[in-house]
PDB file of N, CA and C in Angstrom:
ATOM      1  N   MET A   1     -62.112 -25.082 -15.412  1.00  0.00           N
ATOM      2  CA  MET A   1     -61.537 -26.374 -15.704  1.00  0.00           C
ATOM      3  C   MET A   1     -62.448 -27.085 -16.695  1.00  0.00           C
ATOM      4  N   HIS A   2     -61.899 -27.681 -17.733  1.00  0.00           N
ATOM      5  CA  HIS A   2     -62.647 -28.462 -18.720  1.00  0.00           C
ATOM      6  C   HIS A   2     -62.240 -29.919 -18.581  1.00  0.00           C
ATOM      7  N   ILE A   3     -63.234 -30.804 -18.468  1.00  0.00           N
ATOM      8  CA  ILE A   3     -62.959 -32.225 -18.281  1.00  0.00           C
ATOM      9  C   ILE A   3     -63.798 -33.018 -19.272  1.00  0.00           C
ATOM     10  N   PRO A   4     -63.203 -33.591 -20.328  1.00  0.00           N
ATOM     11  CA  PRO A   4     -63.976 -34.443 -21.226  1.00  0.00           C
ATOM     12  C   PRO A   4     -64.042 -35.870 -20.690  1.00  0.00           C
ATOM     13  N   LEU A   5     -65.215 -36.460 -20.681  1.00  0.00           N
ATOM     14  CA  LEU A   5     -65.411 -37.804 -20.132  1.00  0.00           C
ATOM     15  C   LEU A   5     -66.381 -38.596 -20.980  1.00  0.00           C
ATOM     16  N   THR A   6     -66.462 -39.889 -20.715  1.00  0.00           N
ATOM     17  CA  THR A   6     -67.487 -40.696 -21.350  1.00  0.00           C
ATOM     18  C   THR A   6     -68.834 -40.363 -20.714  1.00  0.00           C
ATOM     19  N   LYS A   7     -69.917 -40.718 -21.401  1.00  0.00           N
ATOM     20  CA  LYS A   7     -71.248 -40.365 -20.904  1.00  0.00           C
ATOM     21  C   LYS A   7     -71.569 -40.998 -19.555  1.00  0.00           C
ATOM     22  N   ALA A   8     -70.951 -42.126 -19.246  1.00  0.00           N
ATOM     23  CA  ALA A   8     -71.246 -42.808 -17.988  1.00  0.00           C
ATOM     24  C   ALA A   8     -70.837 -41.985 -16.772  1.00  0.00           C
ATOM     25  N   HIS A   9     -69.800 -41.161 -16.917  1.00  0.00           N
ATOM     26  CA  HIS A   9     -69.304 -40.410 -15.767  1.00  0.00           C
ATOM     27  C   HIS A   9     -69.514 -38.916 -15.872  1.00  0.00           C
ATOM     28  N   THR A  10     -69.937 -38.432 -16.998  1.00  0.00           N
ATOM     29  CA  THR A  10     -70.064 -36.990 -17.201  1.00  0.00           C
ATOM     30  C   THR A  10     -70.995 -36.357 -16.180  1.00  0.00           C
ATOM     31  N   SER A  11     -72.191 -36.883 -16.016  1.00  0.00           N
ATOM     32  CA  SER A  11     -73.146 -36.299 -15.081  1.00  0.00           C
ATOM     33  C   SER A  11     -72.652 -36.386 -13.641  1.00  0.00           C
ATOM     34  N   ASP A  12     -72.034 -37.514 -13.275  1.00  0.00           N
ATOM     35  CA  ASP A  12     -71.520 -37.672 -11.910  1.00  0.00           C
ATOM     36  C   ASP A  12     -70.448 -36.642 -11.591  1.00  0.00           C
ATOM     37  N   VAL A  13     -69.501 -36.461 -12.496  1.00  0.00           N
ATOM     38  CA  VAL A  13     -68.415 -35.504 -12.268  1.00  0.00           C
ATOM     39  C   VAL A  13     -68.956 -34.082 -12.290  1.00  0.00           C
ATOM     40  N   ALA A  14     -69.867 -33.780 -13.200  1.00  0.00           N
ATOM     41  CA  ALA A  14     -70.445 -32.441 -13.272  1.00  0.00           C
ATOM     42  C   ALA A  14     -71.191 -32.094 -11.983  1.00  0.00           C
ATOM     43  N   GLU A  15     -71.905 -33.041 -11.419  1.00  0.00           N
ATOM     44  CA  GLU A  15     -72.610 -32.795 -10.156  1.00  0.00           C
ATOM     45  C   GLU A  15     -71.625 -32.600  -9.003  1.00  0.00           C
ATOM     46  N   LYS A  16     -70.557 -33.380  -8.991  1.00  0.00           N
ATOM     47  CA  LYS A  16     -69.578 -33.290  -7.908  1.00  0.00           C
ATOM     48  C   LYS A  16     -68.759 -32.000  -7.976  1.00  0.00           C
ATOM     49  N   TYR A  17     -68.509 -31.509  -9.197  1.00  0.00           N
ATOM     50  CA  TYR A  17     -67.701 -30.303  -9.398  1.00  0.00           C
ATOM     51  C   TYR A  17     -68.490 -29.276 -10.215  1.00  0.00           C
ATOM     52  N   PRO A  18     -69.462 -28.608  -9.610  1.00  0.00           N
ATOM     53  CA  PRO A  18     -70.336 -27.698 -10.360  1.00  0.00           C
ATOM     54  C   PRO A  18     -69.623 -26.474 -10.931  1.00  0.00           C
ATOM     55  N   GLU A  19     -68.407 -26.193 -10.487  1.00  0.00           N
ATOM     56  CA  GLU A  19     -67.662 -25.038 -11.003  1.00  0.00           C
ATOM     57  C   GLU A  19     -66.917 -25.360 -12.303  1.00  0.00           C
ATOM     58  N   THR A  20     -66.958 -26.612 -12.747  1.00  0.00           N
ATOM     59  CA  THR A  20     -66.238 -27.021 -13.953  1.00  0.00           C
ATOM     60  C   THR A  20     -67.179 -27.108 -15.144  1.00  0.00           C
ATOM     61  N   GLN A  21     -66.594 -27.153 -16.330  1.00  0.00           N
ATOM     62  CA  GLN A  21     -67.321 -27.472 -17.552  1.00  0.00           C
ATOM     63  C   GLN A  21     -66.911 -28.891 -17.926  1.00  0.00           C
ATOM     64  N   VAL A  22     -67.871 -29.800 -18.006  1.00  0.00           N
ATOM     65  CA  VAL A  22     -67.591 -31.209 -18.258  1.00  0.00           C
ATOM     66  C   VAL A  22     -68.190 -31.599 -19.606  1.00  0.00           C
ATOM     67  N   LYS A  23     -67.381 -32.242 -20.439  1.00  0.00           N
ATOM     68  CA  LYS A  23     -67.826 -32.650 -21.769  1.00  0.00           C
ATOM     69  C   LYS A  23     -67.762 -34.171 -21.878  1.00  0.00           C
ATOM     70  N   GLY A  24     -68.865 -34.781 -22.249  1.00  0.00           N
ATOM     71  CA  GLY A  24     -68.914 -36.211 -22.519  1.00  0.00           C
ATOM     72  C   GLY A  24     -68.851 -36.441 -24.020  1.00  0.00           C
ATOM     73  N   ILE A  25     -67.959 -37.325 -24.461  1.00  0.00           N
ATOM     74  CA  ILE A  25     -67.796 -37.602 -25.885  1.00  0.00           C
ATOM     75  C   ILE A  25     -67.990 -39.096 -26.127  1.00  0.00           C
ATOM     76  N   ASP A  26     -68.787 -39.429 -27.131  1.00  0.00           N
ATOM     77  CA  ASP A  26     -69.025 -40.831 -27.468  1.00  0.00           C
ATOM     78  C   ASP A  26     -69.425 -40.913 -28.930  1.00  0.00           C
ATOM     79  N   VAL A  27     -69.265 -42.082 -29.531  1.00  0.00           N
ATOM     80  CA  VAL A  27     -69.704 -42.279 -30.919  1.00  0.00           C
ATOM     81  C   VAL A  27     -71.193 -42.582 -30.973  1.00  0.00           C
ATOM     82  N   SER A  28     -71.785 -42.906 -29.841  1.00  0.00           N
ATOM     83  CA  SER A  28     -73.204 -43.242 -29.763  1.00  0.00           C
ATOM     84  C   SER A  28     -74.009 -42.021 -29.310  1.00  0.00           C
ATOM     85  N   PRO A  29     -75.158 -41.746 -29.942  1.00  0.00           N
ATOM     86  CA  PRO A  29     -75.975 -40.604 -29.533  1.00  0.00           C
ATOM     87  C   PRO A  29     -76.910 -40.893 -28.360  1.00  0.00           C
ATOM     88  N   ILE A  30     -76.632 -41.910 -27.578  1.00  0.00           N
ATOM     89  CA  ILE A  30     -77.487 -42.253 -26.435  1.00  0.00           C
ATOM     90  C   ILE A  30     -76.917 -41.574 -25.198  1.00  0.00           C
ATOM     91  N   PHE A  31     -77.627 -40.559 -24.717  1.00  0.00           N
ATOM     92  CA  PHE A  31     -77.173 -39.791 -23.564  1.00  0.00           C
ATOM     93  C   PHE A  31     -78.236 -39.806 -22.478  1.00  0.00           C
ATOM     94  N   PRO A  32     -77.866 -39.471 -21.242  1.00  0.00           N
ATOM     95  CA  PRO A  32     -78.843 -39.442 -20.151  1.00  0.00           C
ATOM     96  C   PRO A  32     -79.967 -38.445 -20.442  1.00  0.00           C
ATOM     97  N   THR A  33     -81.117 -38.669 -19.834  1.00  0.00           N
ATOM     98  CA  THR A  33     -82.251 -37.762 -20.041  1.00  0.00           C
ATOM     99  C   THR A  33     -82.076 -36.460 -19.270  1.00  0.00           C
ATOM    100  N   TRP A  34     -81.359 -36.480 -18.166  1.00  0.00           N
ATOM    101  CA  TRP A  34     -81.085 -35.256 -17.409  1.00  0.00           C
ATOM    102  C   TRP A  34     -79.586 -35.120 -17.216  1.00  0.00           C
ATOM    103  N   ILE A  35     -79.091 -33.923 -17.438  1.00  0.00           N
ATOM    104  CA  ILE A  35     -77.689 -33.651 -17.169  1.00  0.00           C
ATOM    105  C   ILE A  35     -77.579 -32.324 -16.427  1.00  0.00           C
ATOM    106  N   PRO A  36     -76.557 -32.183 -15.580  1.00  0.00           N
ATOM    107  CA  PRO A  36     -76.353 -30.919 -14.877  1.00  0.00           C
ATOM    108  C   PRO A  36     -76.059 -29.793 -15.879  1.00  0.00           C
ATOM    109  N   PRO A  37     -76.325 -28.550 -15.499  1.00  0.00           N
ATOM    110  CA  PRO A  37     -76.125 -27.430 -16.435  1.00  0.00           C
ATOM    111  C   PRO A  37     -74.672 -27.217 -16.860  1.00  0.00           C
ATOM    112  N   ASN A  38     -73.715 -27.723 -16.108  1.00  0.00           N
ATOM    113  CA  ASN A  38     -72.309 -27.552 -16.451  1.00  0.00           C
ATOM    114  C   ASN A  38     -71.750 -28.725 -17.268  1.00  0.00           C
ATOM    115  N   ALA A  39     -72.635 -29.588 -17.758  1.00  0.00           N
ATOM    116  CA  ALA A  39     -72.214 -30.741 -18.569  1.00  0.00           C
ATOM    117  C   ALA A  39     -72.817 -30.633 -19.961  1.00  0.00           C
ATOM    118  N   ASN A  40     -72.086 -31.137 -20.950  1.00  0.00           N
ATOM    119  CA  ASN A  40     -72.646 -31.251 -22.290  1.00  0.00           C
ATOM    120  C   ASN A  40     -72.087 -32.502 -22.949  1.00  0.00           C
ATOM    121  N   PHE A  41     -72.721 -32.916 -24.028  1.00  0.00           N
ATOM    122  CA  PHE A  41     -72.324 -34.133 -24.724  1.00  0.00           C
ATOM    123  C   PHE A  41     -72.082 -33.834 -26.195  1.00  0.00           C
ATOM    124  N   GLU A  42     -71.124 -34.559 -26.769  1.00  0.00           N
ATOM    125  CA  GLU A  42     -70.845 -34.457 -28.192  1.00  0.00           C
ATOM    126  C   GLU A  42     -70.700 -35.857 -28.770  1.00  0.00           C
ATOM    127  N   ILE A  43     -71.105 -35.991 -30.012  1.00  0.00           N
ATOM    128  CA  ILE A  43     -70.900 -37.247 -30.731  1.00  0.00           C
ATOM    129  C   ILE A  43     -69.617 -37.067 -31.538  1.00  0.00           C
ATOM    130  N   ASP A  44     -68.655 -37.920 -31.286  1.00  0.00           N
ATOM    131  CA  ASP A  44     -67.369 -37.813 -31.960  1.00  0.00           C
ATOM    132  C   ASP A  44     -66.646 -39.152 -31.867  1.00  0.00           C
ATOM    133  N   ASP A  45     -65.623 -39.324 -32.673  1.00  0.00           N
ATOM    134  CA  ASP A  45     -64.811 -40.537 -32.669  1.00  0.00           C
ATOM    135  C   ASP A  45     -63.373 -40.134 -32.376  1.00  0.00           C
ATOM    136  N   TYR A  46     -62.837 -40.564 -31.260  1.00  0.00           N
ATOM    137  CA  TYR A  46     -61.493 -40.171 -30.831  1.00  0.00           C
ATOM    138  C   TYR A  46     -60.398 -40.694 -31.757  1.00  0.00           C
ATOM    139  N   ASN A  47     -60.723 -41.637 -32.657  1.00  0.00           N
ATOM    140  CA  ASN A  47     -59.733 -42.137 -33.617  1.00  0.00           C
ATOM    141  C   ASN A  47     -59.555 -41.201 -34.812  1.00  0.00           C
ATOM    142  N   LEU A  48     -60.510 -40.305 -35.023  1.00  0.00           N
ATOM    143  CA  LEU A  48     -60.402 -39.349 -36.117  1.00  0.00           C
ATOM    144  C   LEU A  48     -59.637 -38.123 -35.648  1.00  0.00           C
ATOM    145  N   GLU A  49     -59.366 -37.207 -36.573  1.00  0.00           N
ATOM    146  CA  GLU A  49     -58.667 -35.972 -36.210  1.00  0.00           C
ATOM    147  C   GLU A  49     -59.495 -35.203 -35.184  1.00  0.00           C
ATOM    148  N   TRP A  50     -58.837 -34.719 -34.133  1.00  0.00           N
ATOM    149  CA  TRP A  50     -59.528 -33.952 -33.100  1.00  0.00           C
ATOM    150  C   TRP A  50     -59.665 -32.516 -33.563  1.00  0.00           C
ATOM    151  N   LEU A  51     -60.883 -32.090 -33.836  1.00  0.00           N
ATOM    152  CA  LEU A  51     -61.135 -30.724 -34.286  1.00  0.00           C
ATOM    153  C   LEU A  51     -61.222 -29.764 -33.107  1.00  0.00           C
ATOM    154  N   ASP A  52     -61.554 -30.289 -31.950  1.00  0.00           N
ATOM    155  CA  ASP A  52     -61.653 -29.492 -30.727  1.00  0.00           C
ATOM    156  C   ASP A  52     -60.236 -29.258 -30.207  1.00  0.00           C
ATOM    157  N   MET A  53     -59.758 -28.042 -30.314  1.00  0.00           N
ATOM    158  CA  MET A  53     -58.388 -27.747 -29.907  1.00  0.00           C
ATOM    159  C   MET A  53     -58.310 -27.114 -28.513  1.00  0.00           C
ATOM    160  N   GLU A  54     -59.390 -27.239 -27.735  1.00  0.00           N
ATOM    161  CA  GLU A  54     -59.358 -26.728 -26.365  1.00  0.00           C
ATOM    162  C   GLU A  54     -58.301 -27.462 -25.564  1.00  0.00           C
ATOM    163  N   LYS A  55     -57.784 -26.806 -24.558  1.00  0.00           N
ATOM    164  CA  LYS A  55     -56.868 -27.450 -23.624  1.00  0.00           C
ATOM    165  C   LYS A  55     -57.707 -27.981 -22.466  1.00  0.00           C
ATOM    166  N   TYR A  56     -57.389 -29.170 -21.997  1.00  0.00           N
ATOM    167  CA  TYR A  56     -58.155 -29.804 -20.926  1.00  0.00           C
ATOM    168  C   TYR A  56     -57.282 -30.029 -19.706  1.00  0.00           C
ATOM    169  N   ASP A  57     -57.916 -29.957 -18.550  1.00  0.00           N
ATOM    170  CA  ASP A  57     -57.228 -30.240 -17.294  1.00  0.00           C
ATOM    171  C   ASP A  57     -57.140 -31.737 -17.036  1.00  0.00           C
ATOM    172  N   MET A  58     -58.095 -32.476 -17.575  1.00  0.00           N
ATOM    173  CA  MET A  58     -58.106 -33.921 -17.382  1.00  0.00           C
ATOM    174  C   MET A  58     -58.855 -34.575 -18.542  1.00  0.00           C
ATOM    175  N   ILE A  59     -58.345 -35.712 -19.009  1.00  0.00           N
ATOM    176  CA  ILE A  59     -59.041 -36.524 -20.002  1.00  0.00           C
ATOM    177  C   ILE A  59     -59.113 -37.931 -19.433  1.00  0.00           C
ATOM    178  N   HIS A  60     -60.335 -38.461 -19.340  1.00  0.00           N
ATOM    179  CA  HIS A  60     -60.546 -39.805 -18.804  1.00  0.00           C
ATOM    180  C   HIS A  60     -61.060 -40.688 -19.942  1.00  0.00           C
ATOM    181  N   LEU A  61     -60.353 -41.763 -20.217  1.00  0.00           N
ATOM    182  CA  LEU A  61     -60.751 -42.713 -21.257  1.00  0.00           C
ATOM    183  C   LEU A  61     -60.980 -44.065 -20.603  1.00  0.00           C
ATOM    184  N   ARG A  62     -62.001 -44.780 -21.058  1.00  0.00           N
ATOM    185  CA  ARG A  62     -62.228 -46.114 -20.501  1.00  0.00           C
ATOM    186  C   ARG A  62     -62.921 -46.995 -21.525  1.00  0.00           C
ATOM    187  N   GLU A  63     -62.776 -48.290 -21.317  1.00  0.00           N
ATOM    188  CA  GLU A  63     -63.397 -49.303 -22.164  1.00  0.00           C
ATOM    189  C   GLU A  63     -63.017 -49.121 -23.636  1.00  0.00           C
ATOM    190  N   LEU A  64     -61.734 -48.895 -23.908  1.00  0.00           N
ATOM    191  CA  LEU A  64     -61.272 -48.673 -25.271  1.00  0.00           C
ATOM    192  C   LEU A  64     -60.628 -49.906 -25.902  1.00  0.00           C
ATOM    193  N   LEU A  65     -60.520 -50.988 -25.149  1.00  0.00           N
ATOM    194  CA  LEU A  65     -59.863 -52.180 -25.684  1.00  0.00           C
ATOM    195  C   LEU A  65     -60.529 -52.627 -26.980  1.00  0.00           C
ATOM    196  N   GLY A  66     -59.703 -52.825 -27.993  1.00  0.00           N
ATOM    197  CA  GLY A  66     -60.209 -53.264 -29.279  1.00  0.00           C
ATOM    198  C   GLY A  66     -60.734 -52.147 -30.163  1.00  0.00           C
ATOM    199  N   THR A  67     -60.699 -50.900 -29.685  1.00  0.00           N
ATOM    200  CA  THR A  67     -61.232 -49.788 -30.476  1.00  0.00           C
ATOM    201  C   THR A  67     -60.163 -48.803 -30.924  1.00  0.00           C
ATOM    202  N   VAL A  68     -58.949 -48.956 -30.438  1.00  0.00           N
ATOM    203  CA  VAL A  68     -57.864 -48.026 -30.773  1.00  0.00           C
ATOM    204  C   VAL A  68     -56.886 -48.741 -31.705  1.00  0.00           C
ATOM    205  N   PRO A  69     -56.825 -48.328 -32.972  1.00  0.00           N
ATOM    206  CA  PRO A  69     -55.938 -49.015 -33.907  1.00  0.00           C
ATOM    207  C   PRO A  69     -54.458 -48.744 -33.652  1.00  0.00           C
ATOM    208  N   HIS A  70     -54.128 -47.581 -33.084  1.00  0.00           N
ATOM    209  CA  HIS A  70     -52.723 -47.242 -32.861  1.00  0.00           C
ATOM    210  C   HIS A  70     -52.616 -46.375 -31.606  1.00  0.00           C
ATOM    211  N   TRP A  71     -52.293 -47.016 -30.476  1.00  0.00           N
ATOM    212  CA  TRP A  71     -52.251 -46.319 -29.180  1.00  0.00           C
ATOM    213  C   TRP A  71     -51.317 -45.110 -29.160  1.00  0.00           C
ATOM    214  N   PRO A  72     -50.118 -45.178 -29.749  1.00  0.00           N
ATOM    215  CA  PRO A  72     -49.255 -43.984 -29.723  1.00  0.00           C
ATOM    216  C   PRO A  72     -49.925 -42.752 -30.355  1.00  0.00           C
ATOM    217  N   ASP A  73     -50.711 -42.950 -31.411  1.00  0.00           N
ATOM    218  CA  ASP A  73     -51.422 -41.815 -32.020  1.00  0.00           C
ATOM    219  C   ASP A  73     -52.439 -41.215 -31.059  1.00  0.00           C
ATOM    220  N   LEU A  74     -53.186 -42.080 -30.361  1.00  0.00           N
ATOM    221  CA  LEU A  74     -54.169 -41.581 -29.402  1.00  0.00           C
ATOM    222  C   LEU A  74     -53.486 -40.811 -28.280  1.00  0.00           C
ATOM    223  N   TYR A  75     -52.408 -41.354 -27.731  1.00  0.00           N
ATOM    224  CA  TYR A  75     -51.701 -40.647 -26.654  1.00  0.00           C
ATOM    225  C   TYR A  75     -51.104 -39.332 -27.129  1.00  0.00           C
ATOM    226  N   GLN A  76     -50.664 -39.277 -28.372  1.00  0.00           N
ATOM    227  CA  GLN A  76     -50.133 -38.028 -28.905  1.00  0.00           C
ATOM    228  C   GLN A  76     -51.237 -36.963 -28.941  1.00  0.00           C
ATOM    229  N   LYS A  77     -52.437 -37.361 -29.341  1.00  0.00           N
ATOM    230  CA  LYS A  77     -53.573 -36.426 -29.363  1.00  0.00           C
ATOM    231  C   LYS A  77     -53.886 -35.939 -27.949  1.00  0.00           C
ATOM    232  N   VAL A  78     -53.878 -36.842 -26.995  1.00  0.00           N
ATOM    233  CA  VAL A  78     -54.181 -36.473 -25.609  1.00  0.00           C
ATOM    234  C   VAL A  78     -53.157 -35.473 -25.081  1.00  0.00           C
ATOM    235  N   TYR A  79     -51.894 -35.709 -25.325  1.00  0.00           N
ATOM    236  CA  TYR A  79     -50.847 -34.828 -24.787  1.00  0.00           C
ATOM    237  C   TYR A  79     -50.765 -33.492 -25.508  1.00  0.00           C
ATOM    238  N   GLN A  80     -51.276 -33.416 -26.740  1.00  0.00           N
ATOM    239  CA  GLN A  80     -51.300 -32.131 -27.427  1.00  0.00           C
ATOM    240  C   GLN A  80     -52.264 -31.201 -26.742  1.00  0.00           C
TER     241      GLN A  80
END
């Protein structure tokens, strides 16, 4: 199972579900000093074209108010 999350929850989810691969994505390069071995982080902007074409079991987005110029485009990317 692949679960992309924000950095705030990536380590928590990775610890709770050690059998999964958890990816944290943020535009900021500030990440925790320790992360579980099944977690990784990437610097990316969800408003740009998504180059990562992996299929995900879950996508969790939060604190996006004021950062998404066109919500239908973002939801289309998520559902693809």
